Amino acid sequence: MSSTGLAMTHLVPLAKELDENKVTPGVLGFIVFAVMAAGVWLLMKSMNRHMNRVNFEENPAATAGSAPGAGTAGTPKAE
């Protein structure tokens, strides 16, 4: 008998002892959830840091409705 088959024969009685109505994720489920929560927290912290570096000031000409350089595309410069 292989070692895998032997291990399975020892685990089958343990599976019968579990109450099917009280199965919980256990320690592994908590660890996975905690790692995912820490990853989301770090991503949010990084996003907040990057968003604070963004400059949202607008040009005065852009607020008046005329963008700088509007209508000058394709026209040669006079020298």
PDB file of N, CA and C in Angstrom:
ATOM      1  N   MET A   1       0.850  -1.179   0.000  1.00  0.00           N
ATOM      2  CA  MET A   1       0.000   0.000   0.000  1.00  0.00           C
ATOM      3  C   MET A   1       0.894   1.240   0.000  1.00  0.00           C
ATOM      4  N   SER A   2       0.548   2.220  -0.803  1.00  0.00           N
ATOM      5  CA  SER A   2       1.365   3.421  -0.890  1.00  0.00           C
ATOM      6  C   SER A   2       1.151   4.295   0.340  1.00  0.00           C
ATOM      7  N   SER A   3       2.060   5.251   0.524  1.00  0.00           N
ATOM      8  CA  SER A   3       1.958   6.134   1.693  1.00  0.00           C
ATOM      9  C   SER A   3       0.741   7.055   1.583  1.00  0.00           C
ATOM     10  N   THR A   4       0.346   7.399   0.356  1.00  0.00           N
ATOM     11  CA  THR A   4      -0.838   8.246   0.174  1.00  0.00           C
ATOM     12  C   THR A   4      -2.092   7.490   0.578  1.00  0.00           C
ATOM     13  N   GLY A   5      -2.183   6.257   0.168  1.00  0.00           N
ATOM     14  CA  GLY A   5      -3.339   5.436   0.526  1.00  0.00           C
ATOM     15  C   GLY A   5      -3.406   5.206   2.025  1.00  0.00           C
ATOM     16  N   LEU A   6      -2.251   5.017   2.656  1.00  0.00           N
ATOM     17  CA  LEU A   6      -2.205   4.817   4.096  1.00  0.00           C
ATOM     18  C   LEU A   6      -2.646   6.073   4.840  1.00  0.00           C
ATOM     19  N   ALA A   7      -2.206   7.228   4.363  1.00  0.00           N
ATOM     20  CA  ALA A   7      -2.604   8.487   4.988  1.00  0.00           C
ATOM     21  C   ALA A   7      -4.103   8.719   4.841  1.00  0.00           C
ATOM     22  N   MET A   8      -4.660   8.364   3.697  1.00  0.00           N
ATOM     23  CA  MET A   8      -6.094   8.556   3.477  1.00  0.00           C
ATOM     24  C   MET A   8      -6.923   7.649   4.385  1.00  0.00           C
ATOM     25  N   THR A   9      -6.433   6.440   4.637  1.00  0.00           N
ATOM     26  CA  THR A   9      -7.193   5.541   5.516  1.00  0.00           C
ATOM     27  C   THR A   9      -7.202   6.055   6.949  1.00  0.00           C
ATOM     28  N   HIS A  10      -6.181   6.797   7.340  1.00  0.00           N
ATOM     29  CA  HIS A  10      -6.156   7.368   8.689  1.00  0.00           C
ATOM     30  C   HIS A  10      -7.013   8.630   8.775  1.00  0.00           C
ATOM     31  N   LEU A  11      -7.182   9.355   7.674  1.00  0.00           N
ATOM     32  CA  LEU A  11      -7.951  10.592   7.694  1.00  0.00           C
ATOM     33  C   LEU A  11      -9.451  10.368   7.548  1.00  0.00           C
ATOM     34  N   VAL A  12      -9.867   9.264   6.954  1.00  0.00           N
ATOM     35  CA  VAL A  12     -11.290   9.009   6.746  1.00  0.00           C
ATOM     36  C   VAL A  12     -12.046   8.933   8.071  1.00  0.00           C
ATOM     37  N   PRO A  13     -11.560   8.235   9.101  1.00  0.00           N
ATOM     38  CA  PRO A  13     -12.298   8.247  10.373  1.00  0.00           C
ATOM     39  C   PRO A  13     -12.369   9.638  10.998  1.00  0.00           C
ATOM     40  N   LEU A  14     -11.355  10.483  10.787  1.00  0.00           N
ATOM     41  CA  LEU A  14     -11.390  11.842  11.322  1.00  0.00           C
ATOM     42  C   LEU A  14     -12.481  12.658  10.643  1.00  0.00           C
ATOM     43  N   ALA A  15     -12.705  12.424   9.369  1.00  0.00           N
ATOM     44  CA  ALA A  15     -13.736  13.157   8.647  1.00  0.00           C
ATOM     45  C   ALA A  15     -15.122  12.769   9.139  1.00  0.00           C
ATOM     46  N   LYS A  16     -15.309  11.536   9.574  1.00  0.00           N
ATOM     47  CA  LYS A  16     -16.606  11.090  10.072  1.00  0.00           C
ATOM     48  C   LYS A  16     -16.911  11.713  11.431  1.00  0.00           C
ATOM     49  N   GLU A  17     -15.873  12.097  12.187  1.00  0.00           N
ATOM     50  CA  GLU A  17     -16.077  12.671  13.503  1.00  0.00           C
ATOM     51  C   GLU A  17     -16.533  14.128  13.445  1.00  0.00           C
ATOM     52  N   LEU A  18     -16.324  14.799  12.308  1.00  0.00           N
ATOM     53  CA  LEU A  18     -16.718  16.190  12.186  1.00  0.00           C
ATOM     54  C   LEU A  18     -18.232  16.315  12.122  1.00  0.00           C
ATOM     55  N   ASP A  19     -18.757  17.296  12.831  1.00  0.00           N
ATOM     56  CA  ASP A  19     -20.185  17.594  12.746  1.00  0.00           C
ATOM     57  C   ASP A  19     -20.392  18.474  11.519  1.00  0.00           C
ATOM     58  N   GLU A  20     -21.176  18.023  10.578  1.00  0.00           N
ATOM     59  CA  GLU A  20     -21.351  18.744   9.307  1.00  0.00           C
ATOM     60  C   GLU A  20     -22.028  20.094   9.501  1.00  0.00           C
ATOM     61  N   ASN A  21     -22.709  20.307  10.618  1.00  0.00           N
ATOM     62  CA  ASN A  21     -23.370  21.584  10.878  1.00  0.00           C
ATOM     63  C   ASN A  21     -22.460  22.584  11.574  1.00  0.00           C
ATOM     64  N   LYS A  22     -21.278  22.171  12.005  1.00  0.00           N
ATOM     65  CA  LYS A  22     -20.385  23.055  12.751  1.00  0.00           C
ATOM     66  C   LYS A  22     -19.009  23.200  12.103  1.00  0.00           C
ATOM     67  N   VAL A  23     -18.925  23.000  10.806  1.00  0.00           N
ATOM     68  CA  VAL A  23     -17.649  23.144  10.120  1.00  0.00           C
ATOM     69  C   VAL A  23     -17.338  24.628   9.973  1.00  0.00           C
ATOM     70  N   THR A  24     -16.135  25.048  10.386  1.00  0.00           N
ATOM     71  CA  THR A  24     -15.716  26.445  10.313  1.00  0.00           C
ATOM     72  C   THR A  24     -14.457  26.556   9.470  1.00  0.00           C
ATOM     73  N   PRO A  25     -14.123  27.769   9.013  1.00  0.00           N
ATOM     74  CA  PRO A  25     -12.922  27.932   8.202  1.00  0.00           C
ATOM     75  C   PRO A  25     -11.641  27.656   8.980  1.00  0.00           C
ATOM     76  N   GLY A  26     -11.650  27.863  10.278  1.00  0.00           N
ATOM     77  CA  GLY A  26     -10.484  27.547  11.094  1.00  0.00           C
ATOM     78  C   GLY A  26      -9.378  28.575  10.985  1.00  0.00           C
ATOM     79  N   VAL A  27      -8.198  28.163  11.385  1.00  0.00           N
ATOM     80  CA  VAL A  27      -7.044  29.055  11.440  1.00  0.00           C
ATOM     81  C   VAL A  27      -6.594  29.455  10.035  1.00  0.00           C
ATOM     82  N   LEU A  28      -6.607  28.510   9.110  1.00  0.00           N
ATOM     83  CA  LEU A  28      -6.172  28.823   7.744  1.00  0.00           C
ATOM     84  C   LEU A  28      -7.087  29.869   7.113  1.00  0.00           C
ATOM     85  N   GLY A  29      -8.374  29.760   7.323  1.00  0.00           N
ATOM     86  CA  GLY A  29      -9.308  30.760   6.801  1.00  0.00           C
ATOM     87  C   GLY A  29      -9.051  32.126   7.401  1.00  0.00           C
ATOM     88  N   PHE A  30      -8.764  32.168   8.695  1.00  0.00           N
ATOM     89  CA  PHE A  30      -8.457  33.448   9.339  1.00  0.00           C
ATOM     90  C   PHE A  30      -7.173  34.046   8.789  1.00  0.00           C
ATOM     91  N   ILE A  31      -6.161  33.222   8.585  1.00  0.00           N
ATOM     92  CA  ILE A  31      -4.884  33.726   8.064  1.00  0.00           C
ATOM     93  C   ILE A  31      -5.072  34.283   6.659  1.00  0.00           C
ATOM     94  N   VAL A  32      -5.813  33.583   5.810  1.00  0.00           N
ATOM     95  CA  VAL A  32      -6.055  34.069   4.439  1.00  0.00           C
ATOM     96  C   VAL A  32      -6.818  35.384   4.481  1.00  0.00           C
ATOM     97  N   PHE A  33      -7.842  35.463   5.313  1.00  0.00           N
ATOM     98  CA  PHE A  33      -8.623  36.697   5.435  1.00  0.00           C
ATOM     99  C   PHE A  33      -7.762  37.836   5.961  1.00  0.00           C
ATOM    100  N   ALA A  34      -6.920  37.576   6.954  1.00  0.00           N
ATOM    101  CA  ALA A  34      -6.066  38.616   7.523  1.00  0.00           C
ATOM    102  C   ALA A  34      -5.050  39.117   6.499  1.00  0.00           C
ATOM    103  N   VAL A  35      -4.486  38.226   5.695  1.00  0.00           N
ATOM    104  CA  VAL A  35      -3.519  38.638   4.659  1.00  0.00           C
ATOM    105  C   VAL A  35      -4.218  39.487   3.604  1.00  0.00           C
ATOM    106  N   MET A  36      -5.423  39.093   3.207  1.00  0.00           N
ATOM    107  CA  MET A  36      -6.159  39.881   2.218  1.00  0.00           C
ATOM    108  C   MET A  36      -6.530  41.254   2.787  1.00  0.00           C
ATOM    109  N   ALA A  37      -6.936  41.304   4.043  1.00  0.00           N
ATOM    110  CA  ALA A  37      -7.287  42.585   4.664  1.00  0.00           C
ATOM    111  C   ALA A  37      -6.061  43.482   4.765  1.00  0.00           C
ATOM    112  N   ALA A  38      -4.918  42.922   5.131  1.00  0.00           N
ATOM    113  CA  ALA A  38      -3.685  43.719   5.206  1.00  0.00           C
ATOM    114  C   ALA A  38      -3.283  44.230   3.826  1.00  0.00           C
ATOM    115  N   GLY A  39      -3.460  43.413   2.800  1.00  0.00           N
ATOM    116  CA  GLY A  39      -3.145  43.844   1.438  1.00  0.00           C
ATOM    117  C   GLY A  39      -4.039  44.986   0.985  1.00  0.00           C
ATOM    118  N   VAL A  40      -5.323  44.904   1.287  1.00  0.00           N
ATOM    119  CA  VAL A  40      -6.247  45.988   0.920  1.00  0.00           C
ATOM    120  C   VAL A  40      -5.890  47.250   1.684  1.00  0.00           C
ATOM    121  N   TRP A  41      -5.549  47.117   2.963  1.00  0.00           N
ATOM    122  CA  TRP A  41      -5.172  48.280   3.772  1.00  0.00           C
ATOM    123  C   TRP A  41      -3.918  48.950   3.193  1.00  0.00           C
ATOM    124  N   LEU A  42      -2.922  48.152   2.811  1.00  0.00           N
ATOM    125  CA  LEU A  42      -1.707  48.722   2.229  1.00  0.00           C
ATOM    126  C   LEU A  42      -1.985  49.394   0.889  1.00  0.00           C
ATOM    127  N   LEU A  43      -2.849  48.798   0.064  1.00  0.00           N
ATOM    128  CA  LEU A  43      -3.201  49.419  -1.211  1.00  0.00           C
ATOM    129  C   LEU A  43      -3.939  50.737  -1.011  1.00  0.00           C
ATOM    130  N   MET A  44      -4.847  50.796  -0.046  1.00  0.00           N
ATOM    131  CA  MET A  44      -5.571  52.038   0.235  1.00  0.00           C
ATOM    132  C   MET A  44      -4.623  53.117   0.758  1.00  0.00           C
ATOM    133  N   LYS A  45      -3.674  52.722   1.599  1.00  0.00           N
ATOM    134  CA  LYS A  45      -2.701  53.677   2.125  1.00  0.00           C
ATOM    135  C   LYS A  45      -1.828  54.232   0.991  1.00  0.00           C
ATOM    136  N   SER A  46      -1.401  53.360   0.084  1.00  0.00           N
ATOM    137  CA  SER A  46      -0.595  53.796  -1.050  1.00  0.00           C
ATOM    138  C   SER A  46      -1.400  54.704  -1.974  1.00  0.00           C
ATOM    139  N   MET A  47      -2.669  54.352  -2.236  1.00  0.00           N
ATOM    140  CA  MET A  47      -3.510  55.178  -3.101  1.00  0.00           C
ATOM    141  C   MET A  47      -3.733  56.558  -2.480  1.00  0.00           C
ATOM    142  N   ASN A  48      -3.939  56.610  -1.173  1.00  0.00           N
ATOM    143  CA  ASN A  48      -4.136  57.883  -0.489  1.00  0.00           C
ATOM    144  C   ASN A  48      -2.886  58.751  -0.601  1.00  0.00           C
ATOM    145  N   ARG A  49      -1.722  58.128  -0.456  1.00  0.00           N
ATOM    146  CA  ARG A  49      -0.465  58.869  -0.573  1.00  0.00           C
ATOM    147  C   ARG A  49      -0.295  59.423  -1.991  1.00  0.00           C
ATOM    148  N   HIS A  50      -0.621  58.622  -3.001  1.00  0.00           N
ATOM    149  CA  HIS A  50      -0.490  59.078  -4.387  1.00  0.00           C
ATOM    150  C   HIS A  50      -1.528  60.156  -4.722  1.00  0.00           C
ATOM    151  N   MET A  51      -2.721  60.033  -4.198  1.00  0.00           N
ATOM    152  CA  MET A  51      -3.754  61.036  -4.476  1.00  0.00           C
ATOM    153  C   MET A  51      -3.429  62.371  -3.814  1.00  0.00           C
ATOM    154  N   ASN A  52      -2.741  62.346  -2.688  1.00  0.00           N
ATOM    155  CA  ASN A  52      -2.350  63.598  -2.036  1.00  0.00           C
ATOM    156  C   ASN A  52      -1.273  64.339  -2.821  1.00  0.00           C
ATOM    157  N   ARG A  53      -0.542  63.632  -3.671  1.00  0.00           N
ATOM    158  CA  ARG A  53       0.506  64.270  -4.482  1.00  0.00           C
ATOM    159  C   ARG A  53      -0.045  64.931  -5.742  1.00  0.00           C
ATOM    160  N   VAL A  54      -1.275  64.639  -6.105  1.00  0.00           N
ATOM    161  CA  VAL A  54      -1.863  65.168  -7.335  1.00  0.00           C
ATOM    162  C   VAL A  54      -2.216  66.638  -7.126  1.00  0.00           C
ATOM    163  N   ASN A  55      -1.862  67.465  -8.114  1.00  0.00           N
ATOM    164  CA  ASN A  55      -2.157  68.892  -8.068  1.00  0.00           C
ATOM    165  C   ASN A  55      -3.416  69.139  -8.893  1.00  0.00           C
ATOM    166  N   PHE A  56      -4.478  69.601  -8.253  1.00  0.00           N
ATOM    167  CA  PHE A  56      -5.741  69.814  -8.944  1.00  0.00           C
ATOM    168  C   PHE A  56      -5.977  71.257  -9.347  1.00  0.00           C
ATOM    169  N   GLU A  57      -4.970  72.100  -9.315  1.00  0.00           N
ATOM    170  CA  GLU A  57      -5.151  73.504  -9.686  1.00  0.00           C
ATOM    171  C   GLU A  57      -5.394  73.608 -11.190  1.00  0.00           C
ATOM    172  N   GLU A  58      -6.377  74.432 -11.561  1.00  0.00           N
ATOM    173  CA  GLU A  58      -6.687  74.625 -12.972  1.00  0.00           C
ATOM    174  C   GLU A  58      -6.092  75.940 -13.447  1.00  0.00           C
ATOM    175  N   ASN A  59      -5.836  76.009 -14.752  1.00  0.00           N
ATOM    176  CA  ASN A  59      -5.366  77.256 -15.340  1.00  0.00           C
ATOM    177  C   ASN A  59      -6.508  78.260 -15.370  1.00  0.00           C
ATOM    178  N   PRO A  60      -6.240  79.550 -15.146  1.00  0.00           N
ATOM    179  CA  PRO A  60      -7.322  80.545 -15.218  1.00  0.00           C
ATOM    180  C   PRO A  60      -7.964  80.591 -16.603  1.00  0.00           C
ATOM    181  N   ALA A  61      -7.180  80.376 -17.662  1.00  0.00           N
ATOM    182  CA  ALA A  61      -7.729  80.408 -19.021  1.00  0.00           C
ATOM    183  C   ALA A  61      -8.665  79.224 -19.256  1.00  0.00           C
ATOM    184  N   ALA A  62      -8.380  78.103 -18.643  1.00  0.00           N
ATOM    185  CA  ALA A  62      -9.216  76.918 -18.834  1.00  0.00           C
ATOM    186  C   ALA A  62     -10.566  77.098 -18.154  1.00  0.00           C
ATOM    187  N   THR A  63     -10.619  77.857 -17.076  1.00  0.00           N
ATOM    188  CA  THR A  63     -11.899  78.074 -16.403  1.00  0.00           C
ATOM    189  C   THR A  63     -12.755  79.083 -17.149  1.00  0.00           C
ATOM    190  N   ALA A  64     -12.137  79.948 -17.963  1.00  0.00           N
ATOM    191  CA  ALA A  64     -12.895  80.949 -18.725  1.00  0.00           C
ATOM    192  C   ALA A  64     -13.515  80.340 -19.977  1.00  0.00           C
ATOM    193  N   GLY A  65     -13.191  79.095 -20.309  1.00  0.00           N
ATOM    194  CA  GLY A  65     -13.807  78.433 -21.452  1.00  0.00           C
ATOM    195  C   GLY A  65     -12.901  78.344 -22.657  1.00  0.00           C
ATOM    196  N   SER A  66     -11.746  78.959 -22.631  1.00  0.00           N
ATOM    197  CA  SER A  66     -10.836  78.859 -23.765  1.00  0.00           C
ATOM    198  C   SER A  66      -9.569  78.143 -23.321  1.00  0.00           C
ATOM    199  N   ALA A  67      -9.305  77.049 -23.960  1.00  0.00           N
ATOM    200  CA  ALA A  67      -8.100  76.286 -23.635  1.00  0.00           C
ATOM    201  C   ALA A  67      -6.908  76.947 -24.302  1.00  0.00           C
ATOM    202  N   PRO A  68      -5.738  76.948 -23.676  1.00  0.00           N
ATOM    203  CA  PRO A  68      -4.558  77.539 -24.309  1.00  0.00           C
ATOM    204  C   PRO A  68      -4.210  76.786 -25.587  1.00  0.00           C
ATOM    205  N   GLY A  69      -4.011  77.512 -26.621  1.00  0.00           N
ATOM    206  CA  GLY A  69      -3.632  76.920 -27.905  1.00  0.00           C
ATOM    207  C   GLY A  69      -4.829  76.464 -28.723  1.00  0.00           C
ATOM    208  N   ALA A  70      -6.033  76.781 -28.310  1.00  0.00           N
ATOM    209  CA  ALA A  70      -7.215  76.349 -29.058  1.00  0.00           C
ATOM    210  C   ALA A  70      -7.301  77.102 -30.375  1.00  0.00           C
ATOM    211  N   GLY A  71      -7.523  76.412 -31.428  1.00  0.00           N
ATOM    212  CA  GLY A  71      -7.668  77.023 -32.744  1.00  0.00           C
ATOM    213  C   GLY A  71      -6.340  77.281 -33.441  1.00  0.00           C
ATOM    214  N   THR A  72      -5.238  76.907 -32.873  1.00  0.00           N
ATOM    215  CA  THR A  72      -3.943  77.176 -33.494  1.00  0.00           C
ATOM    216  C   THR A  72      -3.326  75.910 -34.062  1.00  0.00           C
ATOM    217  N   ALA A  73      -4.034  74.803 -34.003  1.00  0.00           N
ATOM    218  CA  ALA A  73      -3.467  73.565 -34.522  1.00  0.00           C
ATOM    219  C   ALA A  73      -3.356  73.639 -36.041  1.00  0.00           C
ATOM    220  N   GLY A  74      -2.192  73.327 -36.553  1.00  0.00           N
ATOM    221  CA  GLY A  74      -1.986  73.298 -37.989  1.00  0.00           C
ATOM    222  C   GLY A  74      -1.643  74.644 -38.616  1.00  0.00           C
ATOM    223  N   THR A  75      -1.584  75.720 -37.847  1.00  0.00           N
ATOM    224  CA  THR A  75      -1.225  77.014 -38.404  1.00  0.00           C
ATOM    225  C   THR A  75       0.272  77.233 -38.208  1.00  0.00           C
ATOM    226  N   PRO A  76       0.936  77.726 -39.233  1.00  0.00           N
ATOM    227  CA  PRO A  76       2.387  77.944 -39.108  1.00  0.00           C
ATOM    228  C   PRO A  76       2.672  79.161 -38.217  1.00  0.00           C
ATOM    229  N   LYS A  77       3.797  79.099 -37.526  1.00  0.00           N
ATOM    230  CA  LYS A  77       4.212  80.228 -36.679  1.00  0.00           C
ATOM    231  C   LYS A  77       4.855  81.301 -37.548  1.00  0.00           C
ATOM    232  N   ALA A  78       4.566  82.546 -37.245  1.00  0.00           N
ATOM    233  CA  ALA A  78       5.173  83.644 -37.977  1.00  0.00           C
ATOM    234  C   ALA A  78       6.530  83.932 -37.343  1.00  0.00           C
ATOM    235  N   GLU A  79       7.536  84.027 -38.179  1.00  0.00           N
ATOM    236  CA  GLU A  79       8.883  84.307 -37.653  1.00  0.00           C
ATOM    237  C   GLU A  79       9.360  85.650 -38.114  1.00  0.00           C
TER     238      GLU A  79
END
